[in-house]
């Protein structure tokens, strides 16, 4: 279960890193006037909800799996994403609005936010990668121990089986020997001393 959680978190973090890079590139294009504000905001607003869902899922998974440190690390960013999405003024195009993105330095604040998120997701990526490697290494070591125990048990079973086979063979050999002695005794019965004396007197 723990391995599945961290592998999923690692893949999710990779997607969030690519989203952060995409946000930075798109905002840089707007800053350099390569695209207009409406086109830029339309592109970015498409990925606001996927980013929110992806980060919230990882946070909830860390809470369910009781990884408190990683949960508390992800909680502020997840809370900020939800707060930013909920607090969008009515009438705006979305979190990124073309009528306000150039006002009051919003473009720079969006760029700074994207850079901070990129650094945060990179940190989380290496944390998830380290935990995944550690879990797989521990699992392989446990598997090797189990295989060694299984081999030892198999060897002991073989020894016990060989001992039982030898005991059975020895028991059969004793039975055969006893039967042979009984057969020889019936073919050559011994006469008693009284019978021998009578035979001599009669002669």
Protein backbone atom coordinates (compact mmCIF):
# COMPACT_ATOMS: atom_id res chain seq x y z
CA UNK A 1 0.00 0.00 0.00
CA UNK A 2 2.75 2.44 0.94
CA UNK A 3 4.64 1.71 -2.28
CA UNK A 4 1.51 2.40 -4.36
CA UNK A 5 0.95 5.71 -2.55
CA UNK A 6 4.46 6.99 -3.20
CA UNK A 7 4.64 5.79 -6.80
CA UNK A 8 1.33 7.52 -7.54
CA UNK A 9 2.55 10.65 -5.73
CA UNK A 10 5.75 10.58 -7.77
CA UNK A 11 3.84 10.41 -11.07
CA UNK A 12 1.43 13.10 -9.91
CA UNK A 13 4.33 15.31 -8.88
CA UNK A 14 5.90 14.92 -12.34
CA UNK A 15 2.64 16.14 -13.89
CA UNK A 16 2.54 19.12 -11.50
CA UNK A 17 6.15 19.99 -12.39
CA UNK A 18 5.28 20.05 -16.09
CA UNK A 19 2.24 22.23 -15.30
CA UNK A 20 4.40 24.68 -13.36
CA UNK A 21 6.87 24.87 -16.25
CA UNK A 22 3.98 25.40 -18.67
CA UNK A 23 2.63 28.25 -16.51
CA UNK A 24 6.06 29.90 -16.39
CA UNK A 25 6.57 29.62 -20.17
CA UNK A 26 3.08 30.95 -20.95
CA UNK A 27 3.43 33.89 -18.53
CA UNK A 28 6.87 34.66 -19.98
CA UNK A 29 5.35 34.75 -23.46
CA UNK A 30 2.76 37.25 -22.22
CA UNK A 31 5.46 39.33 -20.54
CA UNK A 32 7.41 39.46 -23.79
CA UNK A 33 4.22 40.23 -25.82
CA UNK A 34 4.45 37.03 -27.84
CA UNK A 35 0.77 36.32 -27.08
CA UNK A 36 -2.11 38.54 -25.97
CA UNK A 37 -3.58 38.52 -22.48
CA UNK A 38 -6.85 36.81 -23.46
CA UNK A 39 -5.09 33.90 -25.15
CA UNK A 40 -2.66 33.53 -22.23
CA UNK A 41 -5.40 33.50 -19.58
CA UNK A 42 -7.52 31.09 -21.62
CA UNK A 43 -4.61 28.62 -21.80
CA UNK A 44 -3.76 28.91 -18.11
CA UNK A 45 -7.31 28.68 -16.76
CA UNK A 46 -7.76 25.28 -18.46
CA UNK A 47 -5.13 23.81 -16.14
CA UNK A 48 -6.12 25.46 -12.85
CA UNK A 49 -8.64 22.75 -11.87
CA UNK A 50 -6.39 19.80 -12.89
CA UNK A 51 -3.58 21.32 -10.82
CA UNK A 52 -5.91 21.76 -7.84
CA UNK A 53 -7.26 18.20 -8.09
CA UNK A 54 -3.81 16.65 -8.54
CA UNK A 55 -2.34 18.38 -5.54
CA UNK A 56 -5.40 17.77 -3.34
CA UNK A 57 -5.36 14.02 -4.12
CA UNK A 58 -1.71 13.73 -3.04
CA UNK A 59 -2.44 15.66 0.17
CA UNK A 60 -5.40 13.42 1.03
CA UNK A 61 -3.36 10.28 0.27
CA UNK A 62 -0.65 11.41 2.66
CA UNK A 63 -3.28 12.03 5.32
CA UNK A 64 -4.86 8.58 4.83
CA UNK A 65 -1.48 6.80 4.84
CA UNK A 66 -0.50 8.72 8.02
CA UNK A 67 2.61 10.42 6.60
CA UNK A 68 2.13 13.50 8.73
CA UNK A 69 5.26 15.41 7.74
CA UNK A 70 4.55 15.22 4.00
CA UNK A 71 0.86 15.95 4.62
CA UNK A 72 1.70 19.11 6.60
CA UNK A 73 4.18 20.10 3.89
CA UNK A 74 1.56 19.80 1.14
CA UNK A 75 -1.34 21.27 3.12
CA UNK A 76 -0.49 25.02 2.72
CA UNK A 77 -0.08 24.76 -1.06
CA UNK A 78 -3.27 22.71 -1.45
CA UNK A 79 -5.16 25.19 0.76
CA UNK A 80 -3.85 28.12 -1.28
CA UNK A 81 -4.94 26.50 -4.55
CA UNK A 82 -8.46 25.91 -3.20
CA UNK A 83 -8.67 29.40 -1.69
CA UNK A 84 -7.49 31.05 -4.92
CA UNK A 85 -10.06 29.09 -6.96
CA UNK A 86 -12.95 29.84 -4.58
CA UNK A 87 -12.15 33.56 -4.24
CA UNK A 88 -12.31 34.33 -7.98
CA UNK A 89 -14.56 37.42 -8.33
CA UNK A 90 -17.80 36.95 -10.19
CA UNK A 91 -17.54 38.11 -13.78
CA UNK A 92 -13.85 37.21 -14.11
CA UNK A 93 -12.69 34.74 -16.72
CA UNK A 94 -11.06 32.63 -13.99
CA UNK A 95 -8.02 32.74 -11.74
CA UNK A 96 -6.16 34.40 -14.62
CA UNK A 97 -8.26 37.28 -15.97
CA UNK A 98 -7.11 39.24 -19.06
CA UNK A 99 -8.56 42.52 -17.77
CA UNK A 100 -6.61 42.41 -14.49
CA UNK A 101 -3.44 40.47 -15.25
CA UNK A 102 -1.50 43.64 -16.15
CA UNK A 103 -2.89 45.63 -13.21
CA UNK A 104 -1.16 46.02 -9.82
CA UNK A 105 1.72 43.77 -10.81
CA UNK A 106 -0.42 40.63 -11.06
CA UNK A 107 1.70 39.25 -13.88
CA UNK A 108 4.81 39.35 -11.69
CA UNK A 109 2.97 37.82 -8.74
CA UNK A 110 1.65 35.00 -10.95
CA UNK A 111 5.15 34.43 -12.27
CA UNK A 112 6.59 34.37 -8.74
CA UNK A 113 3.88 31.95 -7.61
CA UNK A 114 4.63 29.61 -10.53
CA UNK A 115 8.36 29.69 -9.71
CA UNK A 116 7.71 28.91 -6.02
CA UNK A 117 5.42 26.02 -6.97
CA UNK A 118 8.05 24.66 -9.35
CA UNK A 119 10.65 24.65 -6.56
CA UNK A 120 8.17 23.07 -4.15
CA UNK A 121 7.21 20.30 -6.60
CA UNK A 122 10.87 19.57 -7.33
CA UNK A 123 11.50 19.18 -3.59
CA UNK A 124 8.49 16.86 -3.29
CA UNK A 125 9.63 14.89 -6.34
CA UNK A 126 12.97 14.01 -4.75
CA UNK A 127 11.24 13.19 -1.45
CA UNK A 128 8.80 10.81 -3.17
CA UNK A 129 11.60 9.30 -5.24
CA UNK A 130 13.73 8.66 -2.14
CA UNK A 131 10.80 7.10 -0.27
CA UNK A 132 9.91 4.90 -3.25
CA UNK A 133 13.48 3.62 -3.59
CA UNK A 134 13.68 3.02 0.16
CA UNK A 135 10.40 1.07 0.17
CA UNK A 136 11.41 -1.07 -2.81
CA UNK A 137 14.83 -1.74 -1.30
CA UNK A 138 13.23 -2.81 2.00
CA UNK A 139 10.74 -4.97 0.11
CA UNK A 140 13.50 -6.69 -1.87
CA UNK A 141 15.49 -7.35 1.29
CA UNK A 142 12.40 -8.84 2.97
CA UNK A 143 11.74 -10.94 -0.13
CA UNK A 144 15.31 -12.28 -0.05
CA UNK A 145 14.94 -13.19 3.61
CA UNK A 146 11.69 -14.99 2.88
CA UNK A 147 13.30 -16.87 0.00
CA UNK A 148 16.21 -17.92 2.22
CA UNK A 149 13.77 -19.11 4.90
CA UNK A 150 11.79 -21.00 2.26
CA UNK A 151 14.97 -22.70 0.99
CA UNK A 152 15.95 -23.64 4.55
CA UNK A 153 12.51 -25.08 5.21
CA UNK A 154 12.67 -27.02 1.93
CA UNK A 155 16.07 -28.47 2.85
CA UNK A 156 14.80 -29.53 6.27
CA UNK A 157 11.73 -31.14 4.72
CA UNK A 158 13.99 -33.06 2.35
CA UNK A 159 16.17 -34.28 5.23
CA UNK A 160 13.11 -35.39 7.20
CA UNK A 161 11.70 -37.14 4.14
CA UNK A 162 15.00 -38.94 3.51
CA UNK A 163 15.11 -40.03 7.17
CA UNK A 164 11.57 -41.36 6.94
CA UNK A 165 12.37 -43.22 3.73
CA UNK A 166 15.44 -44.80 5.35
CA UNK A 167 13.40 -45.76 8.42
CA UNK A 168 10.72 -47.31 6.20
CA UNK A 169 13.32 -49.21 4.22
CA UNK A 170 14.94 -50.49 7.42
CA UNK A 171 11.55 -51.56 8.82
CA UNK A 172 10.73 -53.44 5.60
CA UNK A 173 14.12 -55.13 5.71
CA UNK A 174 13.49 -56.34 9.30
CA UNK A 175 10.06 -57.68 8.32
CA UNK A 176 11.52 -59.59 5.38
CA UNK A 177 14.23 -61.09 7.57
CA UNK A 178 11.69 -62.23 10.17
CA UNK A 179 9.51 -63.82 7.49
CA UNK A 180 12.48 -65.68 6.02
CA UNK A 181 13.39 -67.13 9.45
CA UNK A 182 9.80 -68.29 10.01
CA UNK A 183 9.76 -69.99 6.61
CA UNK A 184 13.02 -71.84 7.26
CA UNK A 185 11.76 -73.00 10.67
CA UNK A 186 8.68 -74.59 9.08
CA UNK A 187 10.66 -76.43 6.41
CA UNK A 188 13.16 -77.98 8.93
CA UNK A 189 11.33 -78.53 12.27
CA UNK A 190 13.52 -79.61 15.18
CA UNK A 191 12.64 -82.84 17.04
CA UNK A 192 12.33 -82.90 20.81
CA UNK A 193 14.77 -85.09 22.97
CA UNK A 194 11.94 -87.54 23.90
CA UNK A 195 11.19 -88.23 20.25
CA UNK A 196 14.86 -88.89 19.57
CA UNK A 197 15.08 -91.39 22.53
CA UNK A 198 12.00 -93.34 21.34
CA UNK A 199 13.42 -93.56 17.88
CA UNK A 200 16.64 -95.04 19.22
CA UNK A 201 14.76 -97.63 21.42
CA UNK A 202 12.62 -98.79 18.56
CA UNK A 203 15.66 -99.31 16.43
